[in-house]
Amino acid sequence: MRKLIFIIFFIFFYTISFSQGQYRKPELDPVVIQKNYATWLEYQRKNIVLSTDFVALDAEAKEINKDTFLNELTTGEYIPIKLNSSSSLIYYQLFKILPGTDSSIKASLTALAVEELENFKMEGKSFPAFSFIDLNGNTITNESIKGKIVVIKCWFIHCAPCIKEFPSVNKLVAQYKNRKDIIFISLAEDAPKELRTFLAKKPLSYSVVPNMKKYMNETLHLSGFPTHFILDKKGQISKVLLDYEGLELALKKESKQ
């Protein structure tokens, strides 16, 4: 009888532990990933999207909340590694940066984590009051977007990463063209004349609002470009993202709400 109880207890404990991620393994060896900056950068770009929703684990594989996870990354002592998962959930775990690791890895991760943490803190808050006039003369205000999901892209003409994702975000607009409750707005630093000349060669399917440098710097306090916002139908910030990959996933989720 005792043996049976022990077996049942072991199976129960193992199941719970596995479901909490204690037996999940990294997709790639954390030691190999730290080999040099180029190796880390390639891995990060393909596998780590800190703006997305994920299950956060500390260095001991214990589940923690996302802001704690990002705070730990700002110390420059850890790297995030994606874990194997058979579910639709994404798991990231913190691993100690090894002695002698390229200092560029620490520096880039610290800067990224600081930015991601600031963006994460904006989620759930109301988007600052605005009254935008786009290049076509349309006025867009907090009141006019109520009841709609709003995607906002912040950029400027000389931002190479901002321009590189134009084809991807244009496809996203086309994907949701039949959703009248989803609108796409872009805030650009540049003047109308420069924007019209530029966009004639590189079209953007968003509504484009010029002269937004002061608003983005002083009101939104942005430190990196591109930055994407997704606002829910109440005008609150649902997501703040730094790349198209995160934007695509987040909008898909928000559109099902």
Protein backbone atom coordinates (compact mmCIF):
# COMPACT_ATOMS: atom_id res chain seq x y z
CA MET A 1 0.00 0.00 0.00
CA ARG A 2 2.82 2.37 0.94
CA LYS A 3 4.59 1.55 -2.31
CA LEU A 4 1.46 2.39 -4.29
CA ILE A 5 1.06 5.70 -2.45
CA PHE A 6 4.71 6.54 -3.17
CA ILE A 7 4.29 5.79 -6.88
CA ILE A 8 1.16 7.93 -7.09
CA PHE A 9 2.90 10.77 -5.26
CA PHE A 10 5.95 10.54 -7.55
CA ILE A 11 3.80 10.65 -10.70
CA PHE A 12 1.84 13.64 -9.34
CA PHE A 13 5.03 15.51 -8.39
CA TYR A 14 6.68 14.78 -11.74
CA THR A 15 3.62 15.97 -13.67
CA ILE A 16 3.38 19.22 -11.72
CA SER A 17 7.12 19.85 -12.03
CA PHE A 18 7.10 19.22 -15.76
CA SER A 19 4.13 21.51 -16.30
CA GLN A 20 5.98 24.27 -14.45
CA GLY A 21 8.92 23.97 -16.81
CA GLN A 22 11.47 22.46 -14.40
CA TYR A 23 12.36 19.73 -16.90
CA ARG A 24 12.41 21.87 -20.02
CA LYS A 25 15.74 22.18 -21.76
CA PRO A 26 17.29 25.08 -23.67
CA GLU A 27 16.88 24.99 -27.44
CA LEU A 28 20.62 25.64 -27.74
CA ASP A 29 23.52 25.28 -25.32
CA PRO A 30 23.88 28.57 -23.35
CA VAL A 31 27.66 28.13 -23.36
CA VAL A 32 27.82 27.91 -27.16
CA ILE A 33 25.52 30.92 -27.55
CA GLN A 34 27.98 33.02 -25.52
CA LYS A 35 30.92 32.04 -27.73
CA ASN A 36 31.11 35.51 -29.27
CA TYR A 37 28.95 38.55 -29.95
CA ALA A 38 28.07 37.53 -33.52
CA THR A 39 26.82 34.12 -32.34
CA TRP A 40 24.72 35.70 -29.61
CA LEU A 41 23.30 38.39 -31.89
CA GLU A 42 22.20 35.88 -34.50
CA TYR A 43 20.55 33.74 -31.83
CA GLN A 44 18.82 36.71 -30.21
CA ARG A 45 17.39 38.01 -33.48
CA LYS A 46 15.94 34.64 -34.40
CA ASN A 47 14.76 33.40 -31.02
CA ILE A 48 14.27 36.15 -28.42
CA VAL A 49 11.35 38.60 -28.58
CA LEU A 50 11.11 40.15 -25.12
CA SER A 51 8.08 42.26 -26.00
CA THR A 52 5.92 39.18 -26.62
CA ASP A 53 4.01 37.22 -23.97
CA PHE A 54 6.16 34.50 -22.44
CA VAL A 55 6.58 32.36 -19.34
CA ALA A 56 9.57 33.80 -17.47
CA LEU A 57 11.90 31.54 -15.47
CA ASP A 58 14.81 32.55 -13.25
CA ALA A 59 18.26 30.93 -13.22
CA GLU A 60 16.89 28.08 -11.10
CA ALA A 61 13.99 27.43 -13.51
CA LYS A 62 11.43 28.90 -11.10
CA GLU A 63 8.61 30.90 -12.64
CA ILE A 64 8.80 34.67 -12.05
CA ASN A 65 6.83 37.62 -13.40
CA LYS A 66 7.92 39.44 -16.52
CA ASP A 67 9.05 42.69 -14.90
CA THR A 68 11.29 40.77 -12.48
CA PHE A 69 12.75 38.89 -15.43
CA LEU A 70 13.47 42.12 -17.33
CA ASN A 71 14.90 43.75 -14.20
CA GLU A 72 17.35 40.87 -13.84
CA LEU A 73 18.42 41.33 -17.45
CA THR A 74 19.20 45.01 -16.83
CA THR A 75 21.97 43.95 -14.42
CA GLY A 76 24.06 42.56 -17.26
CA GLU A 77 24.54 39.29 -15.38
CA TYR A 78 22.18 37.09 -17.40
CA ILE A 79 21.21 36.13 -20.91
CA PRO A 80 17.70 34.92 -21.87
CA ILE A 81 17.48 31.50 -23.51
CA LYS A 82 14.39 30.02 -25.16
CA LEU A 83 13.40 26.59 -23.86
CA ASN A 84 11.98 23.69 -25.81
CA SER A 85 8.21 23.49 -25.48
CA SER A 86 5.59 21.22 -26.95
CA SER A 87 2.85 23.74 -26.09
CA SER A 88 1.97 27.06 -27.71
CA LEU A 89 3.52 28.88 -24.75
CA ILE A 90 6.94 30.52 -25.06
CA TYR A 91 9.42 29.86 -22.25
CA TYR A 92 12.48 32.02 -21.58
CA GLN A 93 14.96 31.24 -18.82
CA LEU A 94 17.77 33.34 -17.37
CA PHE A 95 21.27 31.89 -17.58
CA LYS A 96 24.37 33.40 -15.98
CA ILE A 97 26.75 35.15 -18.33
CA LEU A 98 30.05 33.28 -18.14
CA PRO A 99 33.32 34.93 -17.03
CA GLY A 100 35.25 36.15 -20.04
CA THR A 101 32.16 36.54 -22.22
CA ASP A 102 32.38 39.35 -24.76
CA SER A 103 31.42 42.58 -22.97
CA SER A 104 29.39 43.61 -26.05
CA ILE A 105 26.86 40.90 -25.18
CA LYS A 106 26.39 42.37 -21.70
CA ALA A 107 26.17 45.93 -23.00
CA SER A 108 23.64 45.19 -25.75
CA LEU A 109 21.49 43.06 -23.47
CA THR A 110 21.46 45.68 -20.72
CA ALA A 111 20.39 48.40 -23.16
CA LEU A 112 17.71 46.17 -24.69
CA ALA A 113 16.36 45.12 -21.29
CA VAL A 114 16.15 48.72 -20.05
CA GLU A 115 14.15 49.70 -23.14
CA GLU A 116 11.89 46.63 -22.94
CA LEU A 117 11.24 47.24 -19.25
CA GLU A 118 10.21 50.85 -19.87
CA ASN A 119 7.91 49.73 -22.68
CA PHE A 120 6.41 46.99 -20.51
CA LYS A 121 5.59 49.54 -17.79
CA MET A 122 3.45 51.49 -20.31
CA GLU A 123 1.17 48.53 -20.96
CA GLY A 124 -2.27 48.89 -19.40
CA LYS A 125 -2.06 52.69 -19.30
CA SER A 126 -4.09 55.13 -21.41
CA PHE A 127 -2.35 56.40 -24.52
CA PRO A 128 -1.50 60.12 -24.09
CA ALA A 129 -4.00 62.65 -25.42
CA PHE A 130 -3.49 63.61 -29.06
CA SER A 131 -4.94 65.35 -32.09
CA PHE A 132 -3.04 64.25 -35.20
CA ILE A 133 -3.44 65.49 -38.77
CA ASP A 134 -2.10 63.04 -41.36
CA LEU A 135 -0.65 63.81 -44.80
CA ASN A 136 -4.12 63.55 -46.35
CA GLY A 137 -5.57 66.17 -44.00
CA ASN A 138 -7.49 63.70 -41.84
CA THR A 139 -7.76 64.53 -38.13
CA ILE A 140 -7.29 61.67 -35.68
CA THR A 141 -8.01 62.11 -31.96
CA ASN A 142 -8.46 59.96 -28.87
CA GLU A 143 -12.19 60.34 -29.31
CA SER A 144 -12.24 59.35 -32.99
CA ILE A 145 -10.46 56.04 -32.34
CA LYS A 146 -12.70 54.85 -29.51
CA GLY A 147 -14.07 51.38 -30.13
CA LYS A 148 -11.21 50.52 -32.48
CA ILE A 149 -7.94 48.62 -32.18
CA VAL A 150 -5.17 51.01 -33.17
CA VAL A 151 -1.70 50.07 -34.41
CA ILE A 152 0.83 52.90 -34.22
CA LYS A 153 4.28 52.81 -35.83
CA CYS A 154 6.84 55.40 -34.71
CA TRP A 155 9.67 56.06 -37.17
CA PHE A 156 11.70 58.52 -39.23
CA ILE A 157 13.10 58.56 -42.76
CA HIS A 158 16.75 57.88 -41.88
CA CYS A 159 15.97 54.94 -39.56
CA ALA A 160 17.15 51.88 -41.53
CA PRO A 161 15.35 49.27 -39.36
CA CYS A 162 12.14 51.34 -39.64
CA ILE A 163 12.29 51.26 -43.43
CA LYS A 164 13.40 47.64 -43.66
CA GLU A 165 10.11 46.46 -42.13
CA PHE A 166 7.88 48.46 -44.55
CA PRO A 167 7.06 45.41 -46.72
CA SER A 168 6.13 43.38 -43.62
CA VAL A 169 3.90 46.01 -42.02
CA ASN A 170 2.24 46.71 -45.39
CA LYS A 171 1.35 43.01 -45.60
CA LEU A 172 -0.08 43.27 -42.08
CA VAL A 173 -2.34 46.14 -43.17
CA ALA A 174 -3.51 44.08 -46.16
CA GLN A 175 -4.17 41.11 -43.90
CA TYR A 176 -6.61 43.13 -41.78
CA LYS A 177 -8.10 45.25 -44.56
CA ASN A 178 -11.59 43.84 -43.93
CA ARG A 179 -11.49 44.62 -40.22
CA LYS A 180 -13.12 48.05 -39.94
CA ASP A 181 -12.38 48.03 -36.22
CA ILE A 182 -8.59 48.01 -36.77
CA ILE A 183 -6.73 51.11 -37.98
CA PHE A 184 -3.05 51.75 -38.71
CA ILE A 185 -1.36 55.08 -37.95
CA SER A 186 2.31 56.04 -38.23
CA LEU A 187 4.01 58.91 -36.45
CA ALA A 188 7.03 60.27 -38.32
CA GLU A 189 9.61 62.82 -37.19
CA ASP A 190 9.94 64.31 -40.66
CA ALA A 191 8.26 67.25 -42.39
CA PRO A 192 5.42 66.73 -44.90
CA LYS A 193 7.47 67.63 -48.00
CA GLU A 194 10.28 65.17 -47.17
CA LEU A 195 7.77 62.45 -46.32
CA ARG A 196 5.82 62.80 -49.55
CA THR A 197 9.01 62.56 -51.59
CA PHE A 198 10.24 59.55 -49.63
CA LEU A 199 6.92 57.68 -49.57
CA ALA A 200 6.52 58.10 -53.33
CA LYS A 201 9.47 55.69 -53.65
CA LYS A 202 8.82 53.55 -50.57
CA PRO A 203 5.07 53.40 -49.87
CA LEU A 204 3.69 52.83 -46.38
CA SER A 205 0.08 51.63 -46.04
CA TYR A 206 -0.43 53.38 -42.70
CA SER A 207 -1.88 56.85 -42.27
CA VAL A 208 1.25 59.01 -41.94
CA VAL A 209 1.38 61.88 -39.44
CA PRO A 210 4.32 64.31 -39.95
CA ASN A 211 6.31 66.48 -37.51
CA MET A 212 5.91 64.11 -34.56
CA LYS A 213 9.47 64.30 -33.17
CA LYS A 214 8.56 66.41 -30.13
CA TYR A 215 5.49 64.29 -29.31
CA MET A 216 7.45 61.04 -29.54
CA ASN A 217 10.38 62.38 -27.51
CA GLU A 218 8.61 64.41 -24.84
CA THR A 219 5.21 62.73 -24.53
CA LEU A 220 5.91 59.11 -25.41
CA HIS A 221 9.54 59.25 -24.15
CA LEU A 222 10.76 56.91 -26.87
CA SER A 223 14.42 55.92 -26.90
CA GLY A 224 14.46 53.55 -29.87
CA PHE A 225 13.01 53.22 -33.35
CA PRO A 226 10.96 51.65 -34.70
CA THR A 227 8.55 51.40 -31.79
CA HIS A 228 5.06 49.98 -32.24
CA PHE A 229 2.02 50.49 -30.04
CA ILE A 230 -1.17 48.46 -30.03
CA LEU A 231 -4.11 50.21 -28.38
CA ASP A 232 -7.19 48.29 -27.31
CA LYS A 233 -10.73 49.47 -27.99
CA LYS A 234 -10.73 51.51 -24.78
CA GLY A 235 -7.69 53.50 -25.86
CA GLN A 236 -5.36 51.76 -23.45
CA ILE A 237 -1.90 50.52 -24.40
CA SER A 238 -2.10 46.79 -24.92
CA LYS A 239 1.44 46.26 -26.22
CA VAL A 240 4.62 48.22 -26.90
CA LEU A 241 6.98 46.45 -29.31
CA LEU A 242 10.32 47.03 -30.98
CA ASP A 243 9.98 44.78 -34.01
CA TYR A 244 7.58 43.42 -36.58
CA GLU A 245 7.77 39.82 -35.30
CA GLY A 246 6.36 40.83 -31.94
CA LEU A 247 3.81 43.14 -33.56
CA GLU A 248 2.37 40.41 -35.76
CA LEU A 249 1.85 38.04 -32.81
CA ALA A 250 0.43 40.70 -30.52
CA LEU A 251 -2.05 42.05 -33.09
CA LYS A 252 -3.25 38.53 -33.84
CA LYS A 253 -3.99 38.07 -30.14
CA GLU A 254 -5.60 41.51 -29.69
CA SER A 255 -7.79 41.05 -32.78
CA LYS A 256 -9.40 38.00 -31.16
CA GLN A 257 -10.39 39.85 -27.97
